[in-house]
Amino acid sequence: MNIIFWIIVGIIAGWLAEKIMGRNHGLITNLIVGIIGAVLGGWIAGALGIAWGGWIGSTVIATLGACLLLFLLGLVKRRA
């Protein structure tokens, strides 16, 4: 059940980050960005001592991480 939770949160976070950052990706890319964003956001939140649980907290942290990931990828693409 835990993997299903993270897949759903990843898709939602990836989609939200896509809309916030003004990008246009597909479902699989949203899932990948959302899951990597969840790991990145969770790591940063843990380092800062922020602990949000549940669906909403996890989605917020994952979305913020996904937005950061898309921002950093945009910087790398601009330099290349």
Protein backbone atom coordinates (compact mmCIF):
# COMPACT_ATOMS: atom_id res chain seq x y z
CA MET A 1 0.00 0.00 0.00
CA ASN A 2 2.91 2.36 0.69
CA ILE A 3 4.18 2.21 -2.91
CA ILE A 4 0.71 3.08 -4.21
CA PHE A 5 0.64 6.09 -1.86
CA TRP A 6 3.96 7.37 -3.23
CA ILE A 7 2.92 6.81 -6.84
CA ILE A 8 -0.27 8.82 -6.31
CA VAL A 9 1.56 11.58 -4.42
CA GLY A 10 4.26 11.59 -7.12
CA ILE A 11 1.75 12.01 -9.94
CA ILE A 12 -0.09 14.78 -8.10
CA ALA A 13 3.13 16.57 -7.13
CA GLY A 14 4.55 16.28 -10.65
CA TRP A 15 1.34 17.63 -12.16
CA LEU A 16 1.17 20.52 -9.68
CA ALA A 17 4.83 21.38 -10.27
CA GLU A 18 4.24 21.27 -14.02
CA LYS A 19 1.40 23.79 -13.69
CA ILE A 20 3.28 26.03 -11.23
CA MET A 21 6.44 26.09 -13.36
CA GLY A 22 4.56 26.50 -16.66
CA ARG A 23 5.83 23.30 -18.25
CA ASN A 24 4.04 20.69 -20.34
CA HIS A 25 4.90 17.04 -19.65
CA GLY A 26 3.13 13.74 -19.84
CA LEU A 27 1.90 11.43 -17.09
CA ILE A 28 5.09 9.35 -16.87
CA THR A 29 7.30 12.45 -16.72
CA ASN A 30 5.05 13.92 -14.03
CA LEU A 31 5.38 10.69 -12.05
CA ILE A 32 9.18 10.68 -12.33
CA VAL A 33 9.50 14.39 -11.51
CA GLY A 34 7.07 13.99 -8.61
CA ILE A 35 8.86 11.01 -7.08
CA ILE A 36 12.32 12.57 -7.46
CA GLY A 37 10.85 15.82 -6.13
CA ALA A 38 9.41 13.95 -3.15
CA VAL A 39 12.83 12.53 -2.33
CA LEU A 40 14.49 15.92 -2.80
CA GLY A 41 11.81 17.78 -0.84
CA GLY A 42 11.80 15.16 1.91
CA TRP A 43 15.56 15.36 2.25
CA ILE A 44 15.53 19.17 2.43
CA ALA A 45 12.57 19.20 4.85
CA GLY A 46 14.32 16.65 7.07
CA ALA A 47 17.51 18.71 7.06
CA LEU A 48 15.53 21.78 8.09
CA GLY A 49 13.60 19.86 10.77
CA ILE A 50 10.25 20.19 9.00
CA ALA A 51 7.97 17.17 9.48
CA TRP A 52 4.63 17.20 7.68
CA GLY A 53 2.73 13.95 7.57
CA GLY A 54 -0.30 12.66 5.77
CA TRP A 55 -1.50 13.18 2.22
CA ILE A 56 -1.50 16.96 2.24
CA GLY A 57 1.87 17.43 3.91
CA SER A 58 3.53 14.83 1.73
CA THR A 59 2.03 16.37 -1.40
CA VAL A 60 3.17 19.88 -0.43
CA ILE A 61 6.73 18.73 0.31
CA ALA A 62 6.86 16.64 -2.89
CA THR A 63 5.47 19.52 -4.97
CA LEU A 64 8.02 21.97 -3.59
CA GLY A 65 10.79 19.46 -4.28
CA ALA A 66 9.48 18.87 -7.81
CA CYS A 67 9.35 22.63 -8.47
CA LEU A 68 12.95 22.92 -7.27
CA LEU A 69 13.93 20.03 -9.52
CA LEU A 70 12.25 21.61 -12.58
CA PHE A 71 13.91 24.94 -11.76
CA LEU A 72 17.35 23.33 -11.54
CA LEU A 73 16.79 21.35 -14.74
CA GLY A 74 15.78 24.59 -16.46
CA LEU A 75 19.05 26.20 -15.38
CA VAL A 76 21.05 23.26 -16.72
CA LYS A 77 19.19 23.27 -20.04
CA ARG A 78 19.74 27.01 -20.44
CA ARG A 79 23.51 26.62 -20.05
CA ALA A 80 23.74 23.72 -22.50
